[in-house]
Structure formats: structure tokens, C-alpha cells
């Protein structure tokens, strides 16, 4: 099984780019490991919106070594289960696919808050979470992209993003339907995480975008998206649905934030208008899932460098190579071996060394996004947007940023 997936990754993920790292002993050339520093995004104290685009962080003020493992939800009352993995890379670090990967296990205990920064994923100012919803077969997961410009105010932008995701994960994990008047929704989970981080005295300021999803055992998904992180749903070699970014202006996404009174006063003195975005402002959408669907949630470090068609191309190569998707006379269909590639873990026997399909997908997308971000010759989506908005600017190539990806493979029991 592992050998087969390794062969798939070799065929699907190779790129003709220089590399300085390895995926595994048999998987190479996924992405360049060249470290590259990128400026942070501006914090709330940005007081003007330039008429020409400069290489600067995004604004949130508008003015005048872990090996692969695998598991999935395994519940007798559930028709659908999900193989879920995440991969990530901080913008100023080399990408290490062997360490920068997380594999969801529904049996893992989730703590309320990781205040020790050493226990966080090495994802920079991006953060993610994946959690079972109470004792149900439902799974909640999401992405938060911290606003890097808070560094200028002496604030670590990662504290808000990681704390926010930790609180959402714990809220989902400890959710008890009998104690709640309404079912847990993507927006209410975002609201709960935001309220908890706002009441955390160790986080005095910060902000992030957010994209939160909840999938259930009946094959339905709800997504709440705020800002320019987002998701795409892929079905049988096609883009089935996706989120649209929410922005106030170019490079100024919707964002949740904690703003100290002093900064609010400074903004008012300079005639600034604070961006007051809340979970109620998130776009909420409902989606029906099918056996073989692939869900990709990612921060703008991916979307600024890879288009939805780029993502589809990466996923299709791996899915077709693994025969999780197969060519038939009627077109692309789901292969009979999909469930075995996801490889369920019963929570008793460790599967920590077994590569899974979802982990290869997450690593493949992250590696390609990392490579595109440091490519100075091939224009990505962000570069093309700069050229449209500011035609006199000479922005070429990719956009170096933190990268975070969560991938879920949908599997219907009995198929």
C-alpha cells in the first residue's frame, strides 16, 4: 500500500525545479527549500491606501518531525467518513514535508489552548485546526491567516491565529448537543473561537482571516468564510464549488481582530476607519458531498500562488495515479480502492508510519505553492492581480507567504 502511494507521488508531484529537500527517500522534487523573507502585512495602524501598489503587507484599516499517519472518522451510524490531513510551511523556513504534516485522528484528545509556542505547528502566522465534533461522526476544521503587520506594534501575529484555532478546536471537541439549543454551525464555531480569544488576557492584540468548515456523517458540509483564505471542492477531475474572497479593498481582506483602545485612538486621530469585521460578516454556504470528493481549505499563501485550476491539476495527478479516480468509458469515476487508500485507524493500532492519500494531497499542494511563491519568472494569481490594479508596478513571479493547507477526502461507506 505504502509502496504504491510512493510510486504515485513520484509520478504526480515531480517538478523541473531546483530542490534542496526530500519528501521521503523515494519522493523528491516536490518544492524548493530556498528560504525567502517576505515583509509582513500592515496592522490596524495603516493610515493611507496608496494609489500605486508597493511591496507591502496587507492592511486591515481602510482610510479615506512528524512522520505520516492516517485516520478517519469510524462510526457505525455514519454513512460518510473523511480522511483529513494538513501541511504547512512558514514563509522564512525551508519546507520539510516529513515534518510539516499533520494527520487527523478522531481519537486524539484536544486541549483548550497551546500557550507554549514550541508546541505549535511550524506554520508561521498561519494556523489550522481539525477536530471531531463531540461524540458525533461530524468533523470541524479550518484555517486562520494572521495579520503580519502587528509585528510593527510589538505583537506576535501568530498568537491570535493559533489561539483562535485552538479555541475553535476545543469548542468542537467538547460540544454537547444536549446542552445546546441549536446545532453547532460553522459560523457559531467561528463566533465561539473569536469570543474566547478576545477574552484571553495573554493575547492583547492581533487579527486573522478565517475559513471554517463542518462535515457530517450524512455527507453535508457547511462553510463559513471571512476574508481571503478559502476552500475549493473538487469532484471527478473538475472544480465543483469554491469560496469567493471578501475584501474591503485591494489586499485588504475582511478580518477578525482585537484592537487596543490606544490604537483605535491613533487611527481616529489620523482620520482612519477601523475595519470592524465579525463572524456574522462571514459568507456561509451549504454543500452536498459525494464519494471521492476532495476538499481543499487553504490560506492566501496558496491562493496567491496557485489558481483553482492549478490545485485541480495537482489533485487530479495524485488521485488518478493512485486510481482513487479512474478513467472509464463514461469519463472519470471514483476507483474501487479509495477507502483502502484513506486507511482507517481504529484508534488502537498505531498507523503513524503509513502514508495516506490525503497526506500526499496536502503535501503536494503545499509543495507546489511553496515552489510557486519563490518563482520569480512565472506570474501567479497575486502578481496578475497587481498588474491589473496597478499596471505601472513591476511585480513579477510569486508571492512569498506562510502556507497552510487542510485536505479532506470524502468516502461513503460501502463504496
Protein backbone atom coordinates (compact mmCIF):
# COMPACT_ATOMS: atom_id res chain seq x y z
CA UNK A 1 0.00 0.00 0.00
CA UNK A 2 2.69 2.46 1.07
CA UNK A 3 4.87 1.46 -1.85
CA UNK A 4 2.01 2.06 -4.25
CA UNK A 5 1.36 5.54 -2.89
CA UNK A 6 5.06 6.36 -3.03
CA UNK A 7 5.07 5.48 -6.71
CA UNK A 8 2.02 7.66 -7.24
CA UNK A 9 3.71 10.62 -5.58
CA UNK A 10 6.82 10.23 -7.70
CA UNK A 11 4.77 10.35 -10.89
CA UNK A 12 2.40 13.05 -9.75
CA UNK A 13 4.50 15.52 -7.80
CA UNK A 14 7.78 15.87 -9.68
CA UNK A 15 8.62 19.34 -10.95
CA UNK A 16 11.52 20.59 -13.02
CA UNK A 17 12.64 23.00 -10.30
CA UNK A 18 15.75 23.09 -8.15
CA UNK A 19 15.26 21.46 -4.77
CA UNK A 20 17.19 21.22 -1.56
CA UNK A 21 14.97 18.81 0.32
CA UNK A 22 13.30 15.43 0.04
CA UNK A 23 9.73 14.33 0.54
CA UNK A 24 10.75 10.80 1.57
CA UNK A 25 13.53 8.56 0.37
CA UNK A 26 11.54 7.89 -2.78
CA UNK A 27 9.62 11.15 -3.24
CA UNK A 28 11.68 14.12 -4.35
CA UNK A 29 11.40 17.46 -6.05
CA UNK A 30 8.08 18.48 -4.51
CA UNK A 31 9.13 22.06 -3.79
CA UNK A 32 12.11 24.27 -3.46
CA UNK A 33 13.54 24.68 0.01
CA UNK A 34 15.07 28.08 -0.62
CA UNK A 35 14.35 30.34 2.37
CA UNK A 36 12.93 33.69 1.39
CA UNK A 37 11.94 36.55 3.66
CA UNK A 38 8.77 38.49 2.93
CA UNK A 39 7.51 41.64 4.52
CA UNK A 40 4.59 41.34 6.95
CA UNK A 41 1.15 42.75 6.32
CA UNK A 42 0.28 46.09 7.89
CA UNK A 43 -1.59 46.15 11.19
CA UNK A 44 -4.56 48.34 12.03
CA UNK A 45 -2.36 51.40 12.13
CA UNK A 46 -2.07 51.74 8.35
CA UNK A 47 -3.45 55.18 7.62
CA UNK A 48 -3.44 55.52 3.86
CA UNK A 49 -4.23 53.49 0.79
CA UNK A 50 -1.63 54.29 -1.85
CA UNK A 51 -2.65 55.00 -5.42
CA UNK A 52 0.09 52.65 -6.60
CA UNK A 53 0.84 49.23 -5.23
CA UNK A 54 4.07 48.89 -3.29
CA UNK A 55 5.61 45.72 -1.92
CA UNK A 56 3.96 45.88 1.46
CA UNK A 57 1.87 43.84 3.87
CA UNK A 58 -1.90 43.66 3.70
CA UNK A 59 -3.82 46.34 5.52
CA UNK A 60 -6.65 45.89 7.93
CA UNK A 61 -7.58 49.57 8.01
CA UNK A 62 -9.42 51.37 5.24
CA UNK A 63 -8.94 55.12 5.16
CA UNK A 64 -10.22 57.75 3.39
CA UNK A 65 9.46 15.98 12.70
CA UNK A 66 6.47 14.12 12.30
CA UNK A 67 6.05 11.02 10.02
CA UNK A 68 2.90 10.42 8.02
CA UNK A 69 -0.05 8.92 9.84
CA UNK A 70 -3.62 8.38 8.85
CA UNK A 71 -7.08 8.01 10.27
CA UNK A 72 -10.68 8.81 9.54
CA UNK A 73 -13.97 9.00 11.36
CA UNK A 74 -15.17 5.47 12.03
CA UNK A 75 -18.75 5.36 13.26
CA UNK A 76 -21.30 2.64 12.54
CA UNK A 77 -24.13 5.20 12.33
CA UNK A 78 -22.32 7.33 9.76
CA UNK A 79 -22.69 6.93 6.01
CA UNK A 80 -19.75 9.19 5.23
CA UNK A 81 -16.24 9.31 6.65
CA UNK A 82 -13.32 11.61 5.97
CA UNK A 83 -9.59 11.20 5.61
CA UNK A 84 -8.09 14.53 6.66
CA UNK A 85 -4.52 15.83 6.70
CA UNK A 86 -2.81 19.21 6.83
CA UNK A 87 0.52 20.51 5.63
CA UNK A 88 2.16 23.88 6.18
CA UNK A 89 5.27 25.99 5.71
CA UNK A 90 6.37 29.24 7.32
CA UNK A 91 7.47 31.78 4.74
CA UNK A 92 11.00 32.15 6.13
CA UNK A 93 11.62 28.43 6.60
CA UNK A 94 12.56 25.56 4.34
CA UNK A 95 9.63 23.29 3.64
CA UNK A 96 10.11 19.86 5.19
CA UNK A 97 7.28 17.54 4.03
CA UNK A 98 8.30 14.85 6.50
CA UNK A 99 7.80 17.15 9.49
CA UNK A 100 5.39 19.79 8.27
CA UNK A 101 2.39 17.50 8.09
CA UNK A 102 -0.46 16.72 10.46
CA UNK A 103 -2.81 13.76 10.18
CA UNK A 104 -6.20 13.84 11.85
CA UNK A 105 -7.05 11.13 14.35
CA UNK A 106 -10.55 11.46 15.82
CA UNK A 107 -9.42 9.64 18.94
CA UNK A 108 -6.85 12.26 19.91
CA UNK A 109 -7.58 14.45 22.93
CA UNK A 110 -7.71 18.19 22.24
CA UNK A 111 -6.57 20.68 24.85
CA UNK A 112 -8.10 24.10 25.35
CA UNK A 113 -5.11 26.24 24.40
CA UNK A 114 -1.45 25.73 23.47
CA UNK A 115 0.22 28.74 25.06
CA UNK A 116 3.70 27.27 24.69
CA UNK A 117 4.78 28.41 21.22
CA UNK A 118 7.09 25.42 20.91
CA UNK A 119 4.09 23.10 20.70
CA UNK A 120 2.56 24.93 17.73
CA UNK A 121 2.86 23.68 14.15
CA UNK A 122 5.71 25.36 12.29
CA UNK A 123 3.24 27.27 10.11
CA UNK A 124 4.33 30.83 10.90
CA UNK A 125 1.42 33.24 11.25
CA UNK A 126 -0.99 30.80 9.60
CA UNK A 127 -2.86 28.31 11.78
CA UNK A 128 -5.29 25.43 11.33
CA UNK A 129 -7.40 23.04 13.37
CA UNK A 130 -9.13 19.70 12.84
CA UNK A 131 -11.44 18.26 15.48
CA UNK A 132 -14.21 15.76 15.95
CA UNK A 133 -17.48 17.44 16.96
CA UNK A 134 -18.29 15.96 20.36
CA UNK A 135 -19.05 12.25 20.16
CA UNK A 136 -20.61 12.54 16.72
CA UNK A 137 -19.09 11.49 13.37
CA UNK A 138 -19.01 15.17 12.36
CA UNK A 139 -15.65 16.87 11.88
CA UNK A 140 -14.81 20.58 12.11
CA UNK A 141 -11.70 22.08 10.53
CA UNK A 142 -10.45 25.43 9.36
CA UNK A 143 -7.70 27.89 8.52
CA UNK A 144 -6.75 31.22 10.10
CA UNK A 145 -4.26 33.60 8.45
CA UNK A 146 -2.74 36.03 10.97
CA UNK A 147 -2.26 39.69 10.04
CA UNK A 148 1.53 40.04 9.95
CA UNK A 149 1.70 43.81 10.27
CA UNK A 150 1.03 43.61 14.00
CA UNK A 151 4.76 42.95 14.34
CA UNK A 152 5.26 46.71 13.91
CA UNK A 153 3.27 47.22 17.11
CA UNK A 154 5.29 44.67 19.05
CA UNK A 155 2.63 41.96 18.71
CA UNK A 156 3.26 38.40 17.55
CA UNK A 157 0.60 37.88 14.83
CA UNK A 158 0.74 34.13 15.32
CA UNK A 159 -0.71 34.38 18.84
CA UNK A 160 -4.16 35.43 17.62
CA UNK A 161 -4.34 32.95 14.73
CA UNK A 162 -3.11 29.93 16.67
CA UNK A 163 -5.11 30.77 19.79
CA UNK A 164 -8.24 31.33 17.71
CA UNK A 165 -7.86 27.90 16.06
CA UNK A 166 -7.11 26.22 19.39
CA UNK A 167 -10.29 27.60 20.89
CA UNK A 168 -12.39 26.51 17.90
CA UNK A 169 -10.90 23.01 18.06
CA UNK A 170 -11.65 22.69 21.76
CA UNK A 171 -15.18 24.10 21.36
CA UNK A 172 -15.91 21.50 18.69
CA UNK A 173 -14.30 18.67 20.64
CA UNK A 174 -16.25 19.43 23.83
CA UNK A 175 -19.54 20.22 22.07
CA UNK A 176 -22.58 18.53 23.62
CA UNK A 177 -25.76 18.76 21.55
CA UNK A 178 -27.97 18.15 24.56
CA UNK A 179 -26.64 21.32 26.17
CA UNK A 180 -27.10 23.48 23.07
CA UNK A 181 -30.39 24.86 21.75
CA UNK A 182 -29.15 24.82 18.16
CA UNK A 183 -26.75 22.51 16.24
CA UNK A 184 -23.14 23.61 16.01
CA UNK A 185 -22.66 25.57 12.77
CA UNK A 186 -19.53 26.81 11.04
CA UNK A 187 -20.39 30.42 11.87
CA UNK A 188 -21.26 29.72 15.50
CA UNK A 189 -17.98 27.82 15.90
CA UNK A 190 -16.13 30.82 14.46
CA UNK A 191 -18.04 33.07 16.86
CA UNK A 192 -17.14 30.87 19.83
CA UNK A 193 -13.45 30.87 18.93
CA UNK A 194 -13.46 34.64 18.42
CA UNK A 195 -15.15 35.30 21.76
CA UNK A 196 -12.71 33.01 23.56
CA UNK A 197 -9.61 34.62 22.03
CA UNK A 198 -10.98 38.08 22.81
CA UNK A 199 -11.30 37.07 26.47
CA UNK A 200 -7.78 35.60 26.58
CA UNK A 201 -5.67 38.08 28.56
CA UNK A 202 -2.46 36.70 27.03
CA UNK A 203 -3.48 37.95 23.57
CA UNK A 204 -3.66 41.74 23.77
CA UNK A 205 -3.94 42.45 20.04
CA UNK A 206 -3.95 40.78 16.63
CA UNK A 207 -6.20 39.61 13.86
CA UNK A 208 -6.74 36.99 11.18
CA UNK A 209 -8.93 35.86 8.33
CA UNK A 210 -10.83 32.59 8.78
CA UNK A 211 -12.33 29.76 6.76
CA UNK A 212 -14.21 27.17 8.84
CA UNK A 213 -15.96 24.02 7.67
CA UNK A 214 -18.06 21.31 9.32
CA UNK A 215 -18.72 17.99 7.58
CA UNK A 216 -21.20 15.46 8.92
CA UNK A 217 -21.89 11.77 8.64
CA UNK A 218 -24.71 12.35 6.18
CA UNK A 219 -22.41 13.84 3.55
CA UNK A 220 -23.15 17.53 4.04
CA UNK A 221 -20.72 20.40 4.57
CA UNK A 222 -21.24 23.93 5.85
CA UNK A 223 -18.55 26.56 5.32
CA UNK A 224 -18.17 30.00 6.88
CA UNK A 225 -15.54 32.09 5.12
CA UNK A 226 -14.33 35.53 6.19
CA UNK A 227 -11.51 37.18 4.28
CA UNK A 228 -9.20 35.78 1.62
CA UNK A 229 -8.49 32.32 2.94
CA UNK A 230 -10.87 29.92 1.28
CA UNK A 231 -11.76 26.47 0.01
CA UNK A 232 -12.40 24.53 -3.18
CA UNK A 233 -14.45 21.36 -3.62
CA UNK A 234 -13.17 19.05 -6.35
CA UNK A 235 -15.28 16.30 -7.88
CA UNK A 236 -14.16 13.81 -10.55
CA UNK A 237 -11.47 15.94 -12.15
CA UNK A 238 -13.49 19.17 -12.01
CA UNK A 239 -13.94 22.19 -9.74
CA UNK A 240 -17.39 21.70 -8.23
CA UNK A 241 -17.63 24.68 -5.86
CA UNK A 242 -15.41 27.27 -4.19
CA UNK A 243 -15.42 30.33 -1.97
CA UNK A 244 -15.00 33.91 -3.12
CA UNK A 245 -12.62 36.18 -1.16
CA UNK A 246 -14.06 39.00 0.91
CA UNK A 247 -12.08 42.24 0.69
CA UNK A 248 -12.65 45.88 1.60
CA UNK A 249 -10.08 46.98 -0.97
CA UNK A 250 -7.09 45.54 -2.81
CA UNK A 251 -5.03 43.43 -0.39
CA UNK A 252 -7.32 44.44 2.48
CA UNK A 253 -9.35 41.36 3.41
CA UNK A 254 -12.15 41.03 5.92
CA UNK A 255 -10.63 40.02 9.25
CA UNK A 256 -11.41 39.33 12.86
CA UNK A 257 -9.32 41.41 15.23
CA UNK A 258 -8.53 42.57 18.74
CA UNK A 259 -7.68 46.28 18.64
CA UNK A 260 -6.43 48.06 21.80
CA UNK A 261 -8.09 51.36 22.66
CA UNK A 262 -4.80 53.22 22.18
CA UNK A 263 -4.56 52.09 18.56
CA UNK A 264 -8.19 52.97 17.97
CA UNK A 265 -7.49 56.48 19.23
CA UNK A 266 -4.44 56.80 16.98
CA UNK A 267 -6.44 55.68 13.97
CA UNK A 268 -9.19 58.19 14.73
CA UNK A 269 -6.63 60.98 15.08
CA UNK A 270 -5.32 60.28 11.60
CA UNK A 271 -8.80 60.05 10.09
CA UNK A 272 -8.74 56.28 9.74
CA UNK A 273 -11.76 54.00 9.74
CA UNK A 274 -11.34 50.78 11.65
CA UNK A 275 -12.37 47.59 9.92
CA UNK A 276 -14.89 46.03 12.31
CA UNK A 277 -15.46 42.56 10.85
CA UNK A 278 -17.12 39.83 12.87
CA UNK A 279 -18.19 36.22 12.36
CA UNK A 280 -21.65 37.49 11.36
CA UNK A 281 -19.98 39.03 8.28
CA UNK A 282 -18.71 35.66 7.04
CA UNK A 283 -20.17 34.16 3.89
CA UNK A 284 -21.94 30.90 4.79
CA UNK A 285 -22.60 28.18 2.21
CA UNK A 286 -24.01 24.65 2.22
CA UNK A 287 -22.62 21.82 0.12
CA UNK A 288 -23.61 18.23 -0.65
CA UNK A 289 -20.68 15.84 -0.73
CA UNK A 290 -20.16 12.69 -2.77
CA UNK A 291 -17.91 9.69 -2.54
CA UNK A 292 -14.49 10.65 -3.94
CA UNK A 293 -14.78 14.42 -3.46
CA UNK A 294 -11.64 16.25 -2.37
CA UNK A 295 -11.95 19.36 -0.17
CA UNK A 296 -9.07 21.82 -0.02
CA UNK A 297 -9.03 24.60 2.60
CA UNK A 298 -6.05 26.96 2.41
CA UNK A 299 -4.65 30.33 3.42
CA UNK A 300 -3.88 33.04 0.88
CA UNK A 301 -0.29 31.79 0.73
CA UNK A 302 -1.77 29.12 -1.54
CA UNK A 303 -4.40 31.15 -3.42
CA UNK A 304 -1.94 33.98 -4.18
CA UNK A 305 0.35 31.49 -5.91
CA UNK A 306 -1.90 28.76 -7.30
CA UNK A 307 -5.20 29.08 -9.13
CA UNK A 308 -8.11 26.71 -8.60
CA UNK A 309 -7.15 25.02 -11.88
CA UNK A 310 -3.59 24.59 -10.60
CA UNK A 311 -4.98 22.91 -7.47
CA UNK A 312 -7.19 20.67 -9.61
CA UNK A 313 -4.22 19.65 -11.74
CA UNK A 314 -2.16 18.67 -8.68
CA UNK A 315 -5.01 16.74 -7.07
CA UNK A 316 -6.00 15.01 -10.32
CA UNK A 317 -2.49 13.70 -10.93
CA UNK A 318 -2.34 12.13 -7.48
CA UNK A 319 -5.92 10.82 -7.47
CA UNK A 320 -5.63 9.32 -10.96
CA UNK A 321 -2.16 7.97 -10.27
CA UNK A 322 -3.42 6.22 -7.16
CA UNK A 323 -6.52 5.04 -9.05
CA UNK A 324 -8.66 6.79 -6.45
CA UNK A 325 -10.14 8.39 -9.55
CA UNK A 326 -10.17 6.27 -12.70
CA UNK A 327 -10.79 6.73 -16.41
CA UNK A 328 -13.88 4.92 -17.69
CA UNK A 329 -15.83 4.88 -20.96
CA UNK A 330 -18.20 7.45 -19.45
CA UNK A 331 -15.41 9.68 -18.14
CA UNK A 332 -13.75 9.99 -14.74
CA UNK A 333 -15.18 7.91 -11.90
CA UNK A 334 -14.20 7.01 -8.34
CA UNK A 335 -11.93 3.98 -8.04
CA UNK A 336 -12.92 0.95 -6.02
CA UNK A 337 -9.88 1.23 -3.77
CA UNK A 338 -10.49 4.73 -2.39
CA UNK A 339 -11.32 3.60 1.13
CA UNK A 340 -8.17 1.49 1.37
CA UNK A 341 -6.02 4.49 0.39
CA UNK A 342 -7.53 6.54 3.21
CA UNK A 343 -6.78 3.62 5.58
CA UNK A 344 -8.94 3.95 8.66
CA UNK A 345 -7.35 3.83 12.08
CA UNK A 346 -9.38 2.21 14.86
CA UNK A 347 -7.54 4.24 17.50
CA UNK A 348 -5.87 1.13 18.95
CA UNK A 349 -3.16 0.25 16.46
CA UNK A 350 -0.76 2.99 15.51
CA UNK A 351 -0.62 3.90 11.84
CA UNK A 352 1.94 6.61 12.33
CA UNK A 353 4.31 5.48 9.59
CA UNK A 354 1.73 4.70 6.93
CA UNK A 355 1.39 7.34 4.21
CA UNK A 356 -2.17 8.18 3.28
CA UNK A 357 -3.77 9.61 0.18
CA UNK A 358 -4.87 12.75 1.99
CA UNK A 359 -1.37 13.39 3.32
CA UNK A 360 0.12 13.14 -0.17
CA UNK A 361 -2.50 15.57 -1.44
CA UNK A 362 -1.80 18.09 1.35
CA UNK A 363 1.95 17.82 0.87
CA UNK A 364 1.65 18.01 -2.91
CA UNK A 365 -0.37 21.24 -2.80
CA UNK A 366 1.84 22.82 -0.13
CA UNK A 367 4.99 21.90 -2.03
CA UNK A 368 3.70 23.34 -5.29
CA UNK A 369 2.56 26.54 -3.56
CA UNK A 370 5.96 26.90 -1.89
CA UNK A 371 7.73 26.44 -5.22
CA UNK A 372 5.46 28.95 -6.97
CA UNK A 373 5.95 31.51 -4.19
CA UNK A 374 9.70 31.72 -4.79
CA UNK A 375 9.48 31.50 -8.57
CA UNK A 376 10.47 34.93 -9.90
CA UNK A 377 9.61 34.18 -13.54
CA UNK A 378 6.14 32.62 -13.50
CA UNK A 379 3.38 35.05 -12.51
CA UNK A 380 0.86 33.72 -10.03
CA UNK A 381 -2.68 34.94 -9.26
CA UNK A 382 -1.42 37.69 -6.94
CA UNK A 383 1.04 39.02 -9.49
CA UNK A 384 -1.66 39.12 -12.14
CA UNK A 385 -3.98 40.98 -9.77
CA UNK A 386 -1.29 43.57 -9.00
CA UNK A 387 -0.73 44.05 -12.72
CA UNK A 388 -4.45 44.68 -13.23
CA UNK A 389 -4.85 47.05 -10.29
CA UNK A 390 -1.50 48.83 -10.65
CA UNK A 391 -0.28 48.40 -14.25
CA UNK A 392 2.75 50.63 -13.67
CA UNK A 393 4.13 48.38 -10.95
CA UNK A 394 6.72 45.80 -11.94
CA UNK A 395 5.57 42.85 -9.83
CA UNK A 396 6.62 39.52 -11.30
CA UNK A 397 6.58 35.94 -10.10
CA UNK A 398 5.08 34.52 -6.93
CA UNK A 399 4.29 35.98 -3.52
CA UNK A 400 6.24 34.60 -0.59
CA UNK A 401 3.98 34.00 2.40
CA UNK A 402 3.12 31.48 5.08
CA UNK A 403 1.30 28.49 3.59
CA UNK A 404 -1.29 26.27 5.25
CA UNK A 405 -3.45 23.57 3.65
CA UNK A 406 -6.10 21.20 5.02
CA UNK A 407 -7.26 18.41 2.69
CA UNK A 408 -10.24 16.11 3.26
CA UNK A 409 -11.07 13.09 1.10
CA UNK A 410 -14.74 12.10 1.21
CA UNK A 411 -15.57 8.42 1.47
CA UNK A 412 -19.06 6.90 1.51
CA UNK A 413 -19.22 3.64 3.41
CA UNK A 414 -19.93 0.58 1.32
CA UNK A 415 -18.49 2.01 -1.88
